[in-house]
């Protein structure tokens, strides 16, 4: 690989409310925290898989089966002609 073409990855601690996990990212912040002797940048998230309504079950999936029936009622008779 060419040197200087790829961004630098840093160890990062993602924080979403009470949930925290370690990872790597090109993003940095002014806040740091040392974990196991390695300094991690702390990135606060507004929403993640821990708090997103779809993944937590607070949001229900809309049933789209009625769309097919509506289409067939509207245009199904034209296909028979």
Protein backbone atom coordinates (compact mmCIF):
# COMPACT_ATOMS: atom_id res chain seq x y z
CA UNK A 1 0.00 0.00 0.00
CA UNK A 2 1.10 3.55 -0.62
CA UNK A 3 2.17 5.46 2.43
CA UNK A 4 0.10 8.51 3.29
CA UNK A 5 -3.04 7.56 1.36
CA UNK A 6 -4.95 5.89 4.20
CA UNK A 7 -6.23 7.80 7.25
CA UNK A 8 -4.74 7.06 10.65
CA UNK A 9 -6.90 4.88 12.93
CA UNK A 10 -6.93 5.62 16.65
CA UNK A 11 -8.16 3.57 19.60
CA UNK A 12 -11.55 4.97 20.61
CA UNK A 13 -13.98 4.44 23.46
CA UNK A 14 -17.56 4.89 22.24
CA UNK A 15 -19.98 6.08 24.95
CA UNK A 16 -23.77 6.01 24.59
CA UNK A 17 -25.37 6.76 27.92
CA UNK A 18 -24.38 3.91 30.24
CA UNK A 19 -23.05 1.71 27.41
CA UNK A 20 -19.35 1.84 26.51
CA UNK A 21 -17.29 -0.18 24.05
CA UNK A 22 -13.85 -0.01 22.54
CA UNK A 23 -13.05 0.26 18.86
CA UNK A 24 -10.98 2.07 16.29
CA UNK A 25 -11.88 5.15 14.33
CA UNK A 26 -10.35 8.01 12.39
CA UNK A 27 -12.29 10.45 14.61
CA UNK A 28 -10.65 11.99 17.66
CA UNK A 29 -11.75 14.15 20.57
CA UNK A 30 -10.24 16.29 23.28
CA UNK A 31 -11.38 13.86 25.98
CA UNK A 32 -9.23 10.76 26.55
CA UNK A 33 -9.34 7.81 28.90
CA UNK A 34 -6.60 5.25 29.61
CA UNK A 35 -7.71 1.61 29.42
CA UNK A 36 -5.18 -1.17 30.04
CA UNK A 37 -2.31 1.28 29.51
CA UNK A 38 -3.62 2.46 26.12
CA UNK A 39 -4.96 5.99 25.76
CA UNK A 40 -8.35 6.00 24.00
CA UNK A 41 -10.19 8.99 22.59
CA UNK A 42 -13.71 9.21 24.06
CA UNK A 43 -16.51 9.71 21.53
CA UNK A 44 -19.99 10.39 22.92
CA UNK A 45 -22.78 9.10 20.67
CA UNK A 46 -26.35 10.37 20.54
CA UNK A 47 -27.75 7.05 19.37
CA UNK A 48 -26.42 3.54 18.82
CA UNK A 49 -27.72 -0.02 18.58
CA UNK A 50 -28.17 0.02 22.37
CA UNK A 51 -30.59 2.98 22.32
CA UNK A 52 -32.08 3.03 18.81
CA UNK A 53 -35.87 2.41 18.92
CA UNK A 54 -35.75 -0.15 16.09
CA UNK A 55 -33.14 -2.34 17.80
CA UNK A 56 -34.58 -1.99 21.31
CA UNK A 57 -38.07 -3.09 20.22
CA UNK A 58 -39.78 0.21 21.04
CA UNK A 59 -40.64 0.80 17.38
CA UNK A 60 -42.83 -1.71 15.62
CA UNK A 61 -42.36 -2.78 12.01
CA UNK A 62 -45.16 -1.57 9.76
CA UNK A 63 -46.93 -4.38 7.93
CA UNK A 64 -46.58 -3.76 4.19
CA UNK A 65 -48.59 -6.78 3.05
CA UNK A 66 -51.62 -4.56 2.43
CA UNK A 67 -49.75 -2.70 -0.29
CA UNK A 68 -49.69 -5.74 -2.57
CA UNK A 69 -53.43 -6.30 -2.21
CA UNK A 70 -54.10 -2.62 -2.85
CA UNK A 71 -51.97 -2.76 -6.00
CA UNK A 72 -53.74 -5.88 -7.25
CA UNK A 73 -57.18 -4.33 -6.64
CA UNK A 74 -56.17 -1.23 -8.51
CA UNK A 75 -54.15 -2.68 -11.41
CA UNK A 76 -54.78 -6.44 -11.31
CA UNK A 77 -57.78 -6.31 -13.62
CA UNK A 78 -55.68 -4.50 -16.27
CA UNK A 79 -53.18 -7.35 -16.36
CA UNK A 80 -55.98 -9.84 -17.22
CA UNK A 81 -56.96 -7.89 -20.36
